N, C-alpha and C. Protein backbone atom coordinates (compact mmCIF):
# COMPACT_ATOMS: atom_id res chain seq x y z
N MET A 1 5.90 3.20 -9.42
CA MET A 1 5.22 2.05 -8.86
C MET A 1 4.13 2.51 -7.89
N PHE A 2 4.46 3.39 -6.96
CA PHE A 2 3.45 3.83 -6.00
C PHE A 2 2.39 4.71 -6.64
N LYS A 3 2.79 5.48 -7.64
CA LYS A 3 1.82 6.36 -8.30
C LYS A 3 0.69 5.54 -8.92
N ALA A 4 1.04 4.47 -9.61
CA ALA A 4 0.02 3.61 -10.23
C ALA A 4 -0.85 2.95 -9.17
N PHE A 5 -0.23 2.55 -8.06
CA PHE A 5 -1.00 1.94 -6.97
C PHE A 5 -2.04 2.91 -6.43
N TRP A 6 -1.61 4.14 -6.11
CA TRP A 6 -2.54 5.11 -5.52
C TRP A 6 -3.61 5.54 -6.51
N GLU A 7 -3.26 5.63 -7.80
CA GLU A 7 -4.27 6.00 -8.79
C GLU A 7 -5.38 4.96 -8.90
N SER A 8 -5.04 3.70 -8.70
CA SER A 8 -6.05 2.65 -8.85
C SER A 8 -6.66 2.19 -7.53
N SER A 9 -6.04 2.51 -6.40
CA SER A 9 -6.48 1.93 -5.13
C SER A 9 -6.92 2.92 -4.06
N ASP A 10 -6.65 4.20 -4.25
CA ASP A 10 -6.95 5.18 -3.20
C ASP A 10 -8.45 5.25 -2.90
N ILE A 11 -8.76 5.34 -1.64
CA ILE A 11 -10.14 5.52 -1.18
C ILE A 11 -10.19 6.87 -0.49
N GLU A 12 -11.07 7.75 -0.93
CA GLU A 12 -11.16 9.08 -0.33
C GLU A 12 -12.35 9.16 0.61
N ILE A 13 -12.08 9.64 1.83
CA ILE A 13 -13.10 9.84 2.85
C ILE A 13 -13.22 11.35 3.08
N ASN A 14 -14.33 11.93 2.78
CA ASN A 14 -14.52 13.37 2.97
C ASN A 14 -15.05 13.66 4.37
N GLY A 15 -14.44 14.64 5.03
CA GLY A 15 -14.93 15.10 6.32
C GLY A 15 -14.35 14.39 7.53
N ASP A 16 -13.45 13.43 7.33
CA ASP A 16 -12.86 12.72 8.47
C ASP A 16 -11.39 12.45 8.15
N ASP A 17 -10.52 13.40 8.49
CA ASP A 17 -9.10 13.29 8.16
C ASP A 17 -8.42 12.11 8.85
N VAL A 18 -8.82 11.81 10.08
CA VAL A 18 -8.21 10.70 10.82
C VAL A 18 -8.55 9.38 10.12
N LEU A 19 -9.80 9.20 9.75
CA LEU A 19 -10.20 7.99 9.04
C LEU A 19 -9.50 7.90 7.69
N GLN A 20 -9.37 9.01 6.99
CA GLN A 20 -8.68 9.04 5.69
C GLN A 20 -7.25 8.56 5.84
N LYS A 21 -6.53 9.07 6.83
CA LYS A 21 -5.14 8.65 7.05
C LYS A 21 -5.07 7.17 7.40
N GLY A 22 -5.99 6.71 8.23
CA GLY A 22 -6.00 5.30 8.61
C GLY A 22 -6.23 4.38 7.42
N ILE A 23 -7.15 4.75 6.56
CA ILE A 23 -7.42 3.96 5.35
C ILE A 23 -6.17 3.90 4.48
N ARG A 24 -5.52 5.04 4.28
CA ARG A 24 -4.34 5.08 3.41
C ARG A 24 -3.16 4.31 4.01
N VAL A 25 -2.98 4.39 5.31
CA VAL A 25 -1.91 3.62 5.95
C VAL A 25 -2.16 2.13 5.75
N ASN A 26 -3.39 1.71 5.95
CA ASN A 26 -3.70 0.29 5.79
C ASN A 26 -3.57 -0.17 4.34
N LEU A 27 -3.96 0.66 3.39
CA LEU A 27 -3.77 0.32 1.97
C LEU A 27 -2.29 0.18 1.65
N PHE A 28 -1.48 1.09 2.18
CA PHE A 28 -0.04 1.04 1.96
C PHE A 28 0.55 -0.27 2.49
N HIS A 29 0.16 -0.66 3.70
CA HIS A 29 0.68 -1.89 4.28
C HIS A 29 0.18 -3.12 3.52
N LEU A 30 -1.05 -3.09 3.08
CA LEU A 30 -1.58 -4.19 2.27
C LEU A 30 -0.79 -4.33 0.98
N PHE A 31 -0.52 -3.22 0.31
CA PHE A 31 0.27 -3.23 -0.92
C PHE A 31 1.66 -3.80 -0.66
N ASN A 32 2.31 -3.36 0.40
CA ASN A 32 3.66 -3.83 0.71
C ASN A 32 3.69 -5.30 1.09
N SER A 33 2.63 -5.81 1.68
CA SER A 33 2.63 -7.21 2.11
C SER A 33 2.55 -8.16 0.92
N ALA A 34 2.01 -7.70 -0.20
CA ALA A 34 1.88 -8.57 -1.37
C ALA A 34 3.15 -8.59 -2.21
N GLY A 35 3.85 -7.49 -2.31
CA GLY A 35 5.04 -7.44 -3.14
C GLY A 35 4.73 -7.38 -4.62
N ARG A 36 5.76 -7.33 -5.41
CA ARG A 36 5.59 -7.20 -6.86
C ARG A 36 5.07 -8.47 -7.51
N ASP A 37 5.51 -9.62 -7.01
CA ASP A 37 5.10 -10.86 -7.64
C ASP A 37 3.89 -11.50 -6.95
N GLY A 38 3.35 -10.85 -5.93
CA GLY A 38 2.20 -11.38 -5.22
C GLY A 38 2.55 -12.45 -4.21
N LYS A 39 3.84 -12.75 -4.06
CA LYS A 39 4.27 -13.81 -3.14
C LYS A 39 5.15 -13.27 -2.02
N ASP A 40 6.10 -12.42 -2.36
CA ASP A 40 7.05 -11.91 -1.37
C ASP A 40 6.72 -10.48 -1.00
N GLU A 41 7.13 -10.09 0.18
CA GLU A 41 6.95 -8.70 0.60
C GLU A 41 7.81 -7.80 -0.27
N LEU A 42 7.32 -6.60 -0.54
CA LEU A 42 8.06 -5.65 -1.37
C LEU A 42 9.40 -5.32 -0.74
N TRP A 43 9.44 -5.15 0.55
CA TRP A 43 10.67 -4.75 1.23
C TRP A 43 11.34 -5.94 1.92
N SER A 44 11.21 -7.10 1.32
CA SER A 44 11.80 -8.31 1.88
C SER A 44 13.31 -8.14 2.07
N GLU A 45 13.84 -8.77 3.10
CA GLU A 45 15.26 -8.68 3.37
C GLU A 45 16.01 -9.89 2.83
N ARG A 46 15.44 -10.57 1.88
CA ARG A 46 16.12 -11.72 1.29
C ARG A 46 17.40 -11.26 0.61
N SER A 47 18.46 -12.06 0.70
CA SER A 47 19.75 -11.67 0.16
C SER A 47 19.87 -11.90 -1.34
N ASP A 48 18.94 -12.62 -1.95
CA ASP A 48 19.05 -12.93 -3.38
C ASP A 48 18.45 -11.85 -4.27
N ARG A 49 18.12 -10.71 -3.72
CA ARG A 49 17.55 -9.62 -4.54
C ARG A 49 18.58 -8.58 -4.81
């Protein structure tokens, strides 16, 4: 799941490692906030899963 996400969504910043890490952290959080169905968070604590 994450491999496909990074292959299609990664943004590479050359020459600025801090900015690169910041971009990737934010992409990761954006991905997690949408979840698999686009409605719920990926790591939701709902009991029906």
